[in-house]
C-alpha atoms as a PDB file:
ATOM      1  CA  UNK A   1      95.503 149.577 165.454  1.00  0.00           C
ATOM      2  CA  UNK A   2      97.944 148.991 168.292  1.00  0.00           C
ATOM      3  CA  UNK A   3      99.900 145.788 168.241  1.00  0.00           C
ATOM      4  CA  UNK A   4      98.570 142.895 170.315  1.00  0.00           C
ATOM      5  CA  UNK A   5     100.835 142.367 173.308  1.00  0.00           C
ATOM      6  CA  UNK A   6     101.598 138.733 174.085  1.00  0.00           C
ATOM      7  CA  UNK A   7     103.634 136.970 176.788  1.00  0.00           C
ATOM      8  CA  UNK A   8     104.977 133.404 176.811  1.00  0.00           C
ATOM      9  CA  UNK A   9     105.122 131.333 180.009  1.00  0.00           C
ATOM     10  CA  UNK A  10     107.501 128.392 179.795  1.00  0.00           C
ATOM     11  CA  UNK A  11     110.577 128.257 177.567  1.00  0.00           C
ATOM     12  CA  UNK A  12     111.086 124.544 177.142  1.00  0.00           C
ATOM     13  CA  UNK A  13     111.029 122.809 173.786  1.00  0.00           C
ATOM     14  CA  UNK A  14     107.490 123.778 172.774  1.00  0.00           C
ATOM     15  CA  UNK A  15     107.759 127.214 174.378  1.00  0.00           C
ATOM     16  CA  UNK A  16     110.765 128.045 172.216  1.00  0.00           C
ATOM     17  CA  UNK A  17     108.867 126.945 169.093  1.00  0.00           C
ATOM     18  CA  UNK A  18     105.938 129.209 169.906  1.00  0.00           C
ATOM     19  CA  UNK A  19     108.200 132.106 170.872  1.00  0.00           C
ATOM     20  CA  UNK A  20     110.113 131.841 167.598  1.00  0.00           C
ATOM     21  CA  UNK A  21     106.905 131.804 165.554  1.00  0.00           C
ATOM     22  CA  UNK A  22     105.358 134.688 167.468  1.00  0.00           C
ATOM     23  CA  UNK A  23     108.451 136.854 167.100  1.00  0.00           C
ATOM     24  CA  UNK A  24     109.141 136.095 163.426  1.00  0.00           C
ATOM     25  CA  UNK A  25     105.796 135.487 161.737  1.00  0.00           C
ATOM     26  CA  UNK A  26     103.260 137.885 163.257  1.00  0.00           C
ATOM     27  CA  UNK A  27     103.965 141.563 162.561  1.00  0.00           C
ATOM     28  CA  UNK A  28     100.626 142.540 164.116  1.00  0.00           C
ATOM     29  CA  UNK A  29     101.755 141.503 167.600  1.00  0.00           C
ATOM     30  CA  UNK A  30     104.599 142.141 170.014  1.00  0.00           C
ATOM     31  CA  UNK A  31     106.030 139.640 172.480  1.00  0.00           C
ATOM     32  CA  UNK A  32     106.528 141.880 175.500  1.00  0.00           C
ATOM     33  CA  UNK A  33     107.544 139.357 178.178  1.00  0.00           C
ATOM     34  CA  UNK A  34     108.608 135.758 178.760  1.00  0.00           C
ATOM     35  CA  UNK A  35     108.785 133.708 181.932  1.00  0.00           C
ATOM     36  CA  UNK A  36     110.544 130.527 183.004  1.00  0.00           C
ATOM     37  CA  UNK A  37     111.778 129.162 186.325  1.00  0.00           C
ATOM     38  CA  UNK A  38     114.831 127.331 185.029  1.00  0.00           C
ATOM     39  CA  UNK A  39     118.401 128.620 184.895  1.00  0.00           C
ATOM     40  CA  UNK A  40     119.595 129.785 181.512  1.00  0.00           C
ATOM     41  CA  UNK A  41     116.155 130.759 180.241  1.00  0.00           C
ATOM     42  CA  UNK A  42     116.991 134.453 180.241  1.00  0.00           C
ATOM     43  CA  UNK A  43     119.296 133.813 177.282  1.00  0.00           C
ATOM     44  CA  UNK A  44     116.248 132.780 175.238  1.00  0.00           C
ATOM     45  CA  UNK A  45     114.615 136.142 175.925  1.00  0.00           C
ATOM     46  CA  UNK A  46     117.793 137.899 174.846  1.00  0.00           C
ATOM     47  CA  UNK A  47     118.002 135.814 171.657  1.00  0.00           C
ATOM     48  CA  UNK A  48     114.574 137.014 170.555  1.00  0.00           C
ATOM     49  CA  UNK A  49     114.939 140.565 171.906  1.00  0.00           C
ATOM     50  CA  UNK A  50     112.042 140.240 174.345  1.00  0.00           C
ATOM     51  CA  UNK A  51     112.207 143.247 176.697  1.00  0.00           C
ATOM     52  CA  UNK A  52     111.019 141.555 179.904  1.00  0.00           C
ATOM     53  CA  UNK A  53     112.195 138.281 181.408  1.00  0.00           C
ATOM     54  CA  UNK A  54     110.946 137.026 184.765  1.00  0.00           C
ATOM     55  CA  UNK A  55     110.916 133.886 186.898  1.00  0.00           C
ATOM     56  CA  UNK A  56     107.550 134.882 188.382  1.00  0.00           C
ATOM     57  CA  UNK A  57     104.283 134.118 186.554  1.00  0.00           C
ATOM     58  CA  UNK A  58     102.266 136.772 188.363  1.00  0.00           C
ATOM     59  CA  UNK A  59     104.860 139.379 187.422  1.00  0.00           C
ATOM     60  CA  UNK A  60     104.489 138.246 183.812  1.00  0.00           C
ATOM     61  CA  UNK A  61     100.732 138.845 183.995  1.00  0.00           C
ATOM     62  CA  UNK A  62     101.339 142.358 185.361  1.00  0.00           C
ATOM     63  CA  UNK A  63     103.258 143.388 182.232  1.00  0.00           C
ATOM     64  CA  UNK A  64     101.736 146.736 181.150  1.00  0.00           C
ATOM     65  CA  UNK A  65      99.263 146.482 178.278  1.00  0.00           C
ATOM     66  CA  UNK A  66      99.380 142.680 178.106  1.00  0.00           C
ATOM     67  CA  UNK A  67      96.528 141.228 176.019  1.00  0.00           C
ATOM     68  CA  UNK A  68      97.231 137.486 175.900  1.00  0.00           C
ATOM     69  CA  UNK A  69      99.416 134.784 177.391  1.00  0.00           C
ATOM     70  CA  UNK A  70     100.737 131.619 175.727  1.00  0.00           C
ATOM     71  CA  UNK A  71     101.222 128.903 178.368  1.00  0.00           C
ATOM     72  CA  UNK A  72     103.881 126.287 177.566  1.00  0.00           C
ATOM     73  CA  UNK A  73     104.924 125.333 181.100  1.00  0.00           C
ATOM     74  CA  UNK A  74     104.801 121.781 182.564  1.00  0.00           C
ATOM     75  CA  UNK A  75     101.391 120.077 182.607  1.00  0.00           C
ATOM     76  CA  UNK A  76     100.960 120.304 186.374  1.00  0.00           C
ATOM     77  CA  UNK A  77     101.000 124.125 186.146  1.00  0.00           C
ATOM     78  CA  UNK A  78      98.485 124.520 183.311  1.00  0.00           C
ATOM     79  CA  UNK A  79      95.251 124.725 185.283  1.00  0.00           C
ATOM     80  CA  UNK A  80      96.650 127.141 187.874  1.00  0.00           C
ATOM     81  CA  UNK A  81      98.257 129.368 185.239  1.00  0.00           C
ATOM     82  CA  UNK A  82      95.059 129.469 183.178  1.00  0.00           C
ATOM     83  CA  UNK A  83      93.005 130.453 186.220  1.00  0.00           C
ATOM     84  CA  UNK A  84      95.396 133.255 187.149  1.00  0.00           C
ATOM     85  CA  UNK A  85      95.428 134.537 183.566  1.00  0.00           C
ATOM     86  CA  UNK A  86      91.623 134.525 183.490  1.00  0.00           C
ATOM     87  CA  UNK A  87      91.496 136.450 186.759  1.00  0.00           C
ATOM     88  CA  UNK A  88      93.863 138.984 185.174  1.00  0.00           C
ATOM     89  CA  UNK A  89      91.550 139.322 182.155  1.00  0.00           C
ATOM     90  CA  UNK A  90      93.969 137.909 179.560  1.00  0.00           C
ATOM     91  CA  UNK A  91      93.140 135.850 176.478  1.00  0.00           C
ATOM     92  CA  UNK A  92      94.756 132.430 176.838  1.00  0.00           C
ATOM     93  CA  UNK A  93      96.501 129.864 174.678  1.00  0.00           C
ATOM     94  CA  UNK A  94      97.502 126.779 176.670  1.00  0.00           C
ATOM     95  CA  UNK A  95      99.275 123.615 175.656  1.00  0.00           C
ATOM     96  CA  UNK A  96      97.332 120.417 176.270  1.00  0.00           C
ATOM     97  CA  UNK A  97      96.207 118.904 178.532  1.00  0.00           C
ATOM     98  CA  UNK A  98      94.574 121.531 180.699  1.00  0.00           C
ATOM     99  CA  UNK A  99      94.838 119.113 183.631  1.00  0.00           C
ATOM    100  CA  UNK A 100      94.820 115.365 184.256  1.00  0.00           C
ATOM    101  CA  UNK A 101      91.674 115.595 186.429  1.00  0.00           C
ATOM    102  CA  UNK A 102      88.273 116.018 184.798  1.00  0.00           C
ATOM    103  CA  UNK A 103      86.894 117.736 187.890  1.00  0.00           C
ATOM    104  CA  UNK A 104      89.733 120.253 187.875  1.00  0.00           C
ATOM    105  CA  UNK A 105      89.206 120.905 184.164  1.00  0.00           C
ATOM    106  CA  UNK A 106      85.505 121.554 184.789  1.00  0.00           C
ATOM    107  CA  UNK A 107      86.390 123.983 187.588  1.00  0.00           C
ATOM    108  CA  UNK A 108      88.815 125.868 185.340  1.00  0.00           C
ATOM    109  CA  UNK A 109      86.278 126.139 182.509  1.00  0.00           C
ATOM    110  CA  UNK A 110      83.725 127.586 184.914  1.00  0.00           C
ATOM    111  CA  UNK A 111      86.270 130.215 185.966  1.00  0.00           C
ATOM    112  CA  UNK A 112      87.037 131.022 182.308  1.00  0.00           C
ATOM    113  CA  UNK A 113      83.343 131.647 181.690  1.00  0.00           C
ATOM    114  CA  UNK A 114      83.001 133.704 184.862  1.00  0.00           C
ATOM    115  CA  UNK A 115      85.738 136.131 183.825  1.00  0.00           C
ATOM    116  CA  UNK A 116      84.618 136.330 180.195  1.00  0.00           C
ATOM    117  CA  UNK A 117      87.980 135.500 178.637  1.00  0.00           C
ATOM    118  CA  UNK A 118      88.632 132.923 175.928  1.00  0.00           C
ATOM    119  CA  UNK A 119      90.822 129.836 176.022  1.00  0.00           C
ATOM    120  CA  UNK A 120      92.408 127.942 173.131  1.00  0.00           C
ATOM    121  CA  UNK A 121      94.110 124.596 173.689  1.00  0.00           C
ATOM    122  CA  UNK A 122      97.165 123.489 171.722  1.00  0.00           C
ATOM    123  CA  UNK A 123      95.884 120.550 169.709  1.00  0.00           C
ATOM    124  CA  UNK A 124      98.196 121.504 166.877  1.00  0.00           C
ATOM    125  CA  UNK A 125      97.505 118.516 164.631  1.00  0.00           C
ATOM    126  CA  UNK A 126      94.157 120.033 163.663  1.00  0.00           C
ATOM    127  CA  UNK A 127      96.176 122.673 161.834  1.00  0.00           C
ATOM    128  CA  UNK A 128      98.437 120.343 159.881  1.00  0.00           C
ATOM    129  CA  UNK A 129      97.871 121.133 156.161  1.00  0.00           C
ATOM    130  CA  UNK A 130      97.460 117.469 155.201  1.00  0.00           C
ATOM    131  CA  UNK A 131      94.966 116.706 157.961  1.00  0.00           C
ATOM    132  CA  UNK A 132      93.041 119.904 157.254  1.00  0.00           C
ATOM    133  CA  UNK A 133      92.730 118.793 153.643  1.00  0.00           C
ATOM    134  CA  UNK A 134      91.231 115.478 154.780  1.00  0.00           C
ATOM    135  CA  UNK A 135      88.780 117.377 156.976  1.00  0.00           C
ATOM    136  CA  UNK A 136      87.716 119.490 153.981  1.00  0.00           C
ATOM    137  CA  UNK A 137      87.187 116.352 151.889  1.00  0.00           C
ATOM    138  CA  UNK A 138      84.923 114.996 154.622  1.00  0.00           C
ATOM    139  CA  UNK A 139      82.986 118.270 154.846  1.00  0.00           C
ATOM    140  CA  UNK A 140      82.581 118.479 151.057  1.00  0.00           C
ATOM    141  CA  UNK A 141      81.095 114.952 150.911  1.00  0.00           C
ATOM    142  CA  UNK A 142      83.924 113.836 148.620  1.00  0.00           C
ATOM    143  CA  UNK A 143      84.111 110.461 150.383  1.00  0.00           C
ATOM    144  CA  UNK A 144      80.430 110.274 151.303  1.00  0.00           C
ATOM    145  CA  UNK A 145      79.359 109.257 154.790  1.00  0.00           C
ATOM    146  CA  UNK A 146      82.467 108.421 156.860  1.00  0.00           C
ATOM    147  CA  UNK A 147      82.328 104.876 158.180  1.00  0.00           C
ATOM    148  CA  UNK A 148      85.836 104.039 159.424  1.00  0.00           C
ATOM    149  CA  UNK A 149      88.662 106.370 160.479  1.00  0.00           C
ATOM    150  CA  UNK A 150      92.149 104.894 160.904  1.00  0.00           C
ATOM    151  CA  UNK A 151      94.859 106.812 162.750  1.00  0.00           C
ATOM    152  CA  UNK A 152      98.441 105.619 163.138  1.00  0.00           C
ATOM    153  CA  UNK A 153     100.585 107.537 165.618  1.00  0.00           C
ATOM    154  CA  UNK A 154     103.989 106.132 166.544  1.00  0.00           C
ATOM    155  CA  UNK A 155     106.889 108.016 168.097  1.00  0.00           C
ATOM    156  CA  UNK A 156     110.512 107.386 167.057  1.00  0.00           C
ATOM    157  CA  UNK A 157     111.419 106.752 170.688  1.00  0.00           C
ATOM    158  CA  UNK A 158     109.856 106.895 174.158  1.00  0.00           C
ATOM    159  CA  UNK A 159     110.205 109.946 176.405  1.00  0.00           C
ATOM    160  CA  UNK A 160     112.298 109.773 179.592  1.00  0.00           C
ATOM    161  CA  UNK A 161     110.915 107.572 182.369  1.00  0.00           C
ATOM    162  CA  UNK A 162     110.823 110.633 184.635  1.00  0.00           C
ATOM    163  CA  UNK A 163     108.346 112.225 182.229  1.00  0.00           C
ATOM    164  CA  UNK A 164     106.226 109.077 181.925  1.00  0.00           C
ATOM    165  CA  UNK A 165     105.848 108.928 185.705  1.00  0.00           C
ATOM    166  CA  UNK A 166     104.105 112.336 185.776  1.00  0.00           C
ATOM    167  CA  UNK A 167     102.519 112.591 182.315  1.00  0.00           C
ATOM    168  CA  UNK A 168      99.286 110.803 183.139  1.00  0.00           C
ATOM    169  CA  UNK A 169     100.209 107.896 180.885  1.00  0.00           C
ATOM    170  CA  UNK A 170     100.353 107.303 177.154  1.00  0.00           C
ATOM    171  CA  UNK A 171      96.658 107.919 176.571  1.00  0.00           C
ATOM    172  CA  UNK A 172      96.871 111.397 178.125  1.00  0.00           C
ATOM    173  CA  UNK A 173     100.277 112.548 176.898  1.00  0.00           C
ATOM    174  CA  UNK A 174     100.376 110.956 173.417  1.00  0.00           C
ATOM    175  CA  UNK A 175      97.084 109.440 172.239  1.00  0.00           C
ATOM    176  CA  UNK A 176      95.149 112.497 173.416  1.00  0.00           C
ATOM    177  CA  UNK A 177      96.142 114.106 170.093  1.00  0.00           C
ATOM    178  CA  UNK A 178      94.612 111.173 168.222  1.00  0.00           C
ATOM    179  CA  UNK A 179      91.419 111.328 170.277  1.00  0.00           C
ATOM    180  CA  UNK A 180      91.060 114.995 169.360  1.00  0.00           C
ATOM    181  CA  UNK A 181      91.878 114.235 165.716  1.00  0.00           C
ATOM    182  CA  UNK A 182      89.183 111.552 165.559  1.00  0.00           C
ATOM    183  CA  UNK A 183      86.588 114.047 166.819  1.00  0.00           C
ATOM    184  CA  UNK A 184      87.856 116.793 164.506  1.00  0.00           C
ATOM    185  CA  UNK A 185      87.963 114.715 161.333  1.00  0.00           C
ATOM    186  CA  UNK A 186      84.609 113.025 161.918  1.00  0.00           C
ATOM    187  CA  UNK A 187      82.778 116.020 163.353  1.00  0.00           C
ATOM    188  CA  UNK A 188      81.166 113.527 165.726  1.00  0.00           C
ATOM    189  CA  UNK A 189      81.237 112.725 169.412  1.00  0.00           C
ATOM    190  CA  UNK A 190      82.703 109.525 170.834  1.00  0.00           C
ATOM    191  CA  UNK A 191      80.289 107.478 172.942  1.00  0.00           C
ATOM    192  CA  UNK A 192      82.377 104.382 173.724  1.00  0.00           C
ATOM    193  CA  UNK A 193      86.037 103.351 173.973  1.00  0.00           C
ATOM    194  CA  UNK A 194      87.589  99.879 173.856  1.00  0.00           C
ATOM    195  CA  UNK A 195      91.363  99.746 174.287  1.00  0.00           C
ATOM    196  CA  UNK A 196      94.046  97.092 174.537  1.00  0.00           C
ATOM    197  CA  UNK A 197      97.479  98.008 175.819  1.00  0.00           C
ATOM    198  CA  UNK A 198     100.805  96.278 176.415  1.00  0.00           C
ATOM    199  CA  UNK A 199     104.469  96.905 177.239  1.00  0.00           C
ATOM    200  CA  UNK A 200     106.528  95.896 174.212  1.00  0.00           C
ATOM    201  CA  UNK A 201     109.178  98.633 173.976  1.00  0.00           C
ATOM    202  CA  UNK A 202     110.746  99.052 177.411  1.00  0.00           C
ATOM    203  CA  UNK A 203     109.995  97.114 180.646  1.00  0.00           C
ATOM    204  CA  UNK A 204     110.823 100.265 182.617  1.00  0.00           C
ATOM    205  CA  UNK A 205     107.707 101.886 181.156  1.00  0.00           C
ATOM    206  CA  UNK A 206     105.605  99.100 182.624  1.00  0.00           C
ATOM    207  CA  UNK A 207     107.403  99.430 185.948  1.00  0.00           C
ATOM    208  CA  UNK A 208     106.432 103.114 185.898  1.00  0.00           C
ATOM    209  CA  UNK A 209     102.794 102.055 185.593  1.00  0.00           C
ATOM    210  CA  UNK A 210     102.289 102.823 181.913  1.00  0.00           C
ATOM    211  CA  UNK A 211     102.029 101.042 178.553  1.00  0.00           C
ATOM    212  CA  UNK A 212     103.941 101.724 175.344  1.00  0.00           C
ATOM    213  CA  UNK A 213     101.817  99.945 172.718  1.00  0.00           C
ATOM    214  CA  UNK A 214      98.065 100.207 172.194  1.00  0.00           C
ATOM    215  CA  UNK A 215      95.138  99.711 169.851  1.00  0.00           C
ATOM    216  CA  UNK A 216      91.950 101.672 170.529  1.00  0.00           C
ATOM    217  CA  UNK A 217      88.509 101.438 168.951  1.00  0.00           C
ATOM    218  CA  UNK A 218      86.314 104.514 169.285  1.00  0.00           C
ATOM    219  CA  UNK A 219      82.593 104.251 168.584  1.00  0.00           C
ATOM    220  CA  UNK A 220      80.826 107.475 167.673  1.00  0.00           C
ATOM    221  CA  UNK A 221      77.233 108.368 168.484  1.00  0.00           C
ATOM    222  CA  UNK A 222      76.049 107.160 165.051  1.00  0.00           C
ATOM    223  CA  UNK A 223      77.958 103.848 165.483  1.00  0.00           C
ATOM    224  CA  UNK A 224      80.693 104.706 162.971  1.00  0.00           C
ATOM    225  CA  UNK A 225      84.159 103.863 164.257  1.00  0.00           C
ATOM    226  CA  UNK A 226      87.752 104.998 164.520  1.00  0.00           C
ATOM    227  CA  UNK A 227      90.732 102.690 165.012  1.00  0.00           C
ATOM    228  CA  UNK A 228      93.919 104.113 166.524  1.00  0.00           C
ATOM    229  CA  UNK A 229      97.233 102.316 166.879  1.00  0.00           C
ATOM    230  CA  UNK A 230     100.076 103.705 168.970  1.00  0.00           C
ATOM    231  CA  UNK A 231     103.643 102.803 169.761  1.00  0.00           C
ATOM    232  CA  UNK A 232     106.274 104.643 171.759  1.00  0.00           C
ATOM    233  CA  UNK A 233     108.997 103.466 169.365  1.00  0.00           C
ATOM    234  CA  UNK A 234     109.070 103.222 165.576  1.00  0.00           C
ATOM    235  CA  UNK A 235     112.667 102.594 164.511  1.00  0.00           C
ATOM    236  CA  UNK A 236     112.090 104.217 161.107  1.00  0.00           C
ATOM    237  CA  UNK A 237     110.947 107.628 162.383  1.00  0.00           C
ATOM    238  CA  UNK A 238     107.822 109.573 163.292  1.00  0.00           C
ATOM    239  CA  UNK A 239     104.882 107.630 161.859  1.00  0.00           C
ATOM    240  CA  UNK A 240     101.790 109.822 161.447  1.00  0.00           C
ATOM    241  CA  UNK A 241      99.090 108.598 159.076  1.00  0.00           C
ATOM    242  CA  UNK A 242      95.372 109.185 158.675  1.00  0.00           C
ATOM    243  CA  UNK A 243      92.731 107.448 156.584  1.00  0.00           C
ATOM    244  CA  UNK A 244      88.993 108.057 156.268  1.00  0.00           C
ATOM    245  CA  UNK A 245      86.865 105.423 154.519  1.00  0.00           C
ATOM    246  CA  UNK A 246      83.349 106.354 153.476  1.00  0.00           C
ATOM    247  CA  UNK A 247      80.391 105.420 151.321  1.00  0.00           C
ATOM    248  CA  UNK A 248      81.856 107.170 148.229  1.00  0.00           C
ATOM    249  CA  UNK A 249      85.545 106.393 148.657  1.00  0.00           C
ATOM    250  CA  UNK A 250      88.602 106.924 150.809  1.00  0.00           C
ATOM    251  CA  UNK A 251      90.989 109.757 151.687  1.00  0.00           C
ATOM    252  CA  UNK A 252      94.508 109.285 153.057  1.00  0.00           C
ATOM    253  CA  UNK A 253      97.231 111.476 154.511  1.00  0.00           C
ATOM    254  CA  UNK A 254     100.610 109.756 154.521  1.00  0.00           C
ATOM    255  CA  UNK A 255     103.846 110.468 156.386  1.00  0.00           C
ATOM    256  CA  UNK A 256     105.921 113.525 155.566  1.00  0.00           C
ATOM    257  CA  UNK A 257     109.421 112.924 154.196  1.00  0.00           C
ATOM    258  CA  UNK A 258     112.492 115.151 153.882  1.00  0.00           C
ATOM    259  CA  UNK A 259     112.104 114.766 150.100  1.00  0.00           C
ATOM    260  CA  UNK A 260     110.157 112.607 147.676  1.00  0.00           C
ATOM    261  CA  UNK A 261     112.997 111.069 145.684  1.00  0.00           C
ATOM    262  CA  UNK A 262     113.220 107.326 145.141  1.00  0.00           C
ATOM    263  CA  UNK A 263     116.220 105.277 144.009  1.00  0.00           C
ATOM    264  CA  UNK A 264     115.414 102.352 141.726  1.00  0.00           C
ATOM    265  CA  UNK A 265     118.126  99.717 141.212  1.00  0.00           C
ATOM    266  CA  UNK A 266     118.257  96.012 140.468  1.00  0.00           C
ATOM    267  CA  UNK A 267     118.379  95.332 144.205  1.00  0.00           C
ATOM    268  CA  UNK A 268     115.207  97.290 145.012  1.00  0.00           C
ATOM    269  CA  UNK A 269     113.614 100.698 145.542  1.00  0.00           C
ATOM    270  CA  UNK A 270     114.748 102.996 148.365  1.00  0.00           C
ATOM    271  CA  UNK A 271     114.099 106.481 149.693  1.00  0.00           C
ATOM    272  CA  UNK A 272     114.360 108.602 152.820  1.00  0.00           C
ATOM    273  CA  UNK A 273     112.718 107.666 156.118  1.00  0.00           C
ATOM    274  CA  UNK A 274     109.838 109.813 157.445  1.00  0.00           C
ATOM    275  CA  UNK A 275     110.676 113.005 159.303  1.00  0.00           C
ATOM    276  CA  UNK A 276     112.117 111.895 162.606  1.00  0.00           C
ATOM    277  CA  UNK A 277     110.171 113.850 165.226  1.00  0.00           C
ATOM    278  CA  UNK A 278     107.221 116.145 165.852  1.00  0.00           C
ATOM    279  CA  UNK A 279     109.275 119.347 165.677  1.00  0.00           C
ATOM    280  CA  UNK A 280     109.825 118.816 161.954  1.00  0.00           C
ATOM    281  CA  UNK A 281     106.636 116.940 161.125  1.00  0.00           C
ATOM    282  CA  UNK A 282     104.313 119.549 162.612  1.00  0.00           C
ATOM    283  CA  UNK A 283     106.313 122.730 162.097  1.00  0.00           C
ATOM    284  CA  UNK A 284     103.630 124.297 159.877  1.00  0.00           C
ATOM    285  CA  UNK A 285     100.817 123.303 162.232  1.00  0.00           C
ATOM    286  CA  UNK A 286     102.397 125.081 165.205  1.00  0.00           C
ATOM    287  CA  UNK A 287     102.495 128.302 163.223  1.00  0.00           C
ATOM    288  CA  UNK A 288      98.947 127.865 161.897  1.00  0.00           C
ATOM    289  CA  UNK A 289      97.440 127.291 165.328  1.00  0.00           C
ATOM    290  CA  UNK A 290      98.951 130.538 166.608  1.00  0.00           C
ATOM    291  CA  UNK A 291      97.599 132.270 163.498  1.00  0.00           C
ATOM    292  CA  UNK A 292      94.111 131.026 164.407  1.00  0.00           C
ATOM    293  CA  UNK A 293      94.562 132.157 168.020  1.00  0.00           C
ATOM    294  CA  UNK A 294      95.623 135.672 167.067  1.00  0.00           C
ATOM    295  CA  UNK A 295      92.888 135.946 164.432  1.00  0.00           C
ATOM    296  CA  UNK A 296      90.275 134.968 167.023  1.00  0.00           C
ATOM    297  CA  UNK A 297      91.574 137.659 169.398  1.00  0.00           C
ATOM    298  CA  UNK A 298      91.335 140.276 166.652  1.00  0.00           C
ATOM    299  CA  UNK A 299      87.918 139.193 165.341  1.00  0.00           C
ATOM    300  CA  UNK A 300      86.310 138.275 168.637  1.00  0.00           C
ATOM    301  CA  UNK A 301      85.269 134.918 167.167  1.00  0.00           C
ATOM    302  CA  UNK A 302      85.221 131.702 169.158  1.00  0.00           C
ATOM    303  CA  UNK A 303      88.503 129.884 169.599  1.00  0.00           C
ATOM    304  CA  UNK A 304      88.866 127.000 167.109  1.00  0.00           C
ATOM    305  CA  UNK A 305      89.840 124.522 169.870  1.00  0.00           C
ATOM    306  CA  UNK A 306      88.236 125.366 173.184  1.00  0.00           C
ATOM    307  CA  UNK A 307      88.014 124.040 176.703  1.00  0.00           C
ATOM    308  CA  UNK A 308      85.222 121.591 175.907  1.00  0.00           C
ATOM    309  CA  UNK A 309      87.425 119.996 173.237  1.00  0.00           C
ATOM    310  CA  UNK A 310      90.106 119.543 175.867  1.00  0.00           C
ATOM    311  CA  UNK A 311      87.642 118.147 178.393  1.00  0.00           C
ATOM    312  CA  UNK A 312      86.298 115.535 175.981  1.00  0.00           C
ATOM    313  CA  UNK A 313      89.761 114.429 174.839  1.00  0.00           C
ATOM    314  CA  UNK A 314      90.772 113.851 178.457  1.00  0.00           C
ATOM    315  CA  UNK A 315      87.526 111.957 179.060  1.00  0.00           C
ATOM    316  CA  UNK A 316      88.287 109.668 176.112  1.00  0.00           C
ATOM    317  CA  UNK A 317      91.798 109.120 177.462  1.00  0.00           C
ATOM    318  CA  UNK A 318      90.520 108.212 180.916  1.00  0.00           C
ATOM    319  CA  UNK A 319      87.944 105.892 179.370  1.00  0.00           C
ATOM    320  CA  UNK A 320      90.752 104.195 177.416  1.00  0.00           C
ATOM    321  CA  UNK A 321      92.759 103.689 180.613  1.00  0.00           C
ATOM    322  CA  UNK A 322      89.694 102.259 182.340  1.00  0.00           C
ATOM    323  CA  UNK A 323      89.070  99.971 179.371  1.00  0.00           C
ATOM    324  CA  UNK A 324      92.607  98.546 179.540  1.00  0.00           C
ATOM    325  CA  UNK A 325      92.370  98.043 183.291  1.00  0.00           C
ATOM    326  CA  UNK A 326      88.911  96.439 183.254  1.00  0.00           C
ATOM    327  CA  UNK A 327      89.214  94.682 179.855  1.00  0.00           C
ATOM    328  CA  UNK A 328      85.883  95.957 178.566  1.00  0.00           C
ATOM    329  CA  UNK A 329      84.360  98.740 176.464  1.00  0.00           C
ATOM    330  CA  UNK A 330      83.777 101.920 178.486  1.00  0.00           C
ATOM    331  CA  UNK A 331      81.148 104.544 177.715  1.00  0.00           C
ATOM    332  CA  UNK A 332      82.286 108.166 177.913  1.00  0.00           C
ATOM    333  CA  UNK A 333      79.333 108.967 180.150  1.00  0.00           C
ATOM    334  CA  UNK A 334      80.783 106.593 182.763  1.00  0.00           C
ATOM    335  CA  UNK A 335      83.899 108.725 182.979  1.00  0.00           C
ATOM    336  CA  UNK A 336      82.052 112.034 182.851  1.00  0.00           C
ATOM    337  CA  UNK A 337      79.629 110.738 185.512  1.00  0.00           C
ATOM    338  CA  UNK A 338      76.576 111.816 183.564  1.00  0.00           C
ATOM    339  CA  UNK A 339      73.685 110.161 181.738  1.00  0.00           C
ATOM    340  CA  UNK A 340      74.404 111.842 178.414  1.00  0.00           C
ATOM    341  CA  UNK A 341      77.152 113.815 176.704  1.00  0.00           C
ATOM    342  CA  UNK A 342      77.291 117.558 177.374  1.00  0.00           C
ATOM    343  CA  UNK A 343      75.010 117.280 180.398  1.00  0.00           C
ATOM    344  CA  UNK A 344      75.534 120.417 182.443  1.00  0.00           C
END
C-alpha cells in the first residue's frame, strides 16, 4: 500500500507539535508539504525534511497525490480552509473551533457532506490516556449510572490580550474543551447551561470584553449534571482534573506530575507541582488523536470527533456566554434556534 500523503497548514505552536508527531511516529504516511504565511516558517520545513514549503494554501492543496490536510492555522481561517480542502477532495483534520459562528459552522458541514469528505476536529483531551480510562469505566458500568461530573480546568497563566480580543472569549477558546469532555465522558447531550463569570486575574481581560474566572453547570437530557470550574491563572501550574460520581461509586483522574516522589520531613510533605502547560500535559493525547485520524482514513470508518461534536461544543459555549450576560439558565435549543436538539 502506498503511503498516505499529508500536508500541514499552519506552523505555529500546535502546528509544530502535529508536524513532529506526523514525521516521527507514523511510518505509514509521508508529510509532503507544509504551509505558513509567517517569516521564518520555511526553517521548520527544513528541520523535518518536508520537500515542499509554501506561503499559499491553495498551492498546498495542489501538491501531487495529497490525501489529507491537517489545519493548524489561526481560528479565523479554519472554516475557509476546511471548505477549500473539501472542494479539493481531501480528508481533513482541523484544530478547534471550526468557526465562532454557528451559522458558518452549519454551512461548512453542509459543504463537507456535499463533497463526501470527512472532517475530524482537534478535541485532543478525548485522547488523553487518563480521561479515556475514565470513559471506559463509565461504559463498563463500574461506577453505575453517572450522576455528577466535575471538571477542573485552570491555565497557569492567561494568553496575550491580543489573542483574547479575537478568540471568541474564554468559553470558546478554553472551556470549549471541557464542554466536549463533558459530552464525551457522559455520552449524553447537554440541554441547559447556567454560568457565572468574573474578572479576578487581570482587569485588562475585562477591558477586552472577556472573563477569566467561571463556574458552569451543565444539565444533560436526563437531568444529570456536570460542574466545570475555570481560571485563566493557577500559580501552581496546569490544573486538569476530572471526576465522575455515580450510583455505584466514583472515578477520578488527577493532575499529571513530572514525577511521583514525595519528601516527608518534620516540617511537612512536599513534591513537584503539576506539569506547567498543555504541551507537556497532553503530549500523548496529541499523538493519539492523529493516530485515530490516520486509522479512520485507512479504514474508512467515521471520524471519532466530527463536525457535529464541534457544532454542539460551540453551541454550549455560546449558551454559557448568554447565561453570564443575562444571569439565567439558557437552553441549548435557544442558541441553536430550534425546538429540539439535532433538528435538521
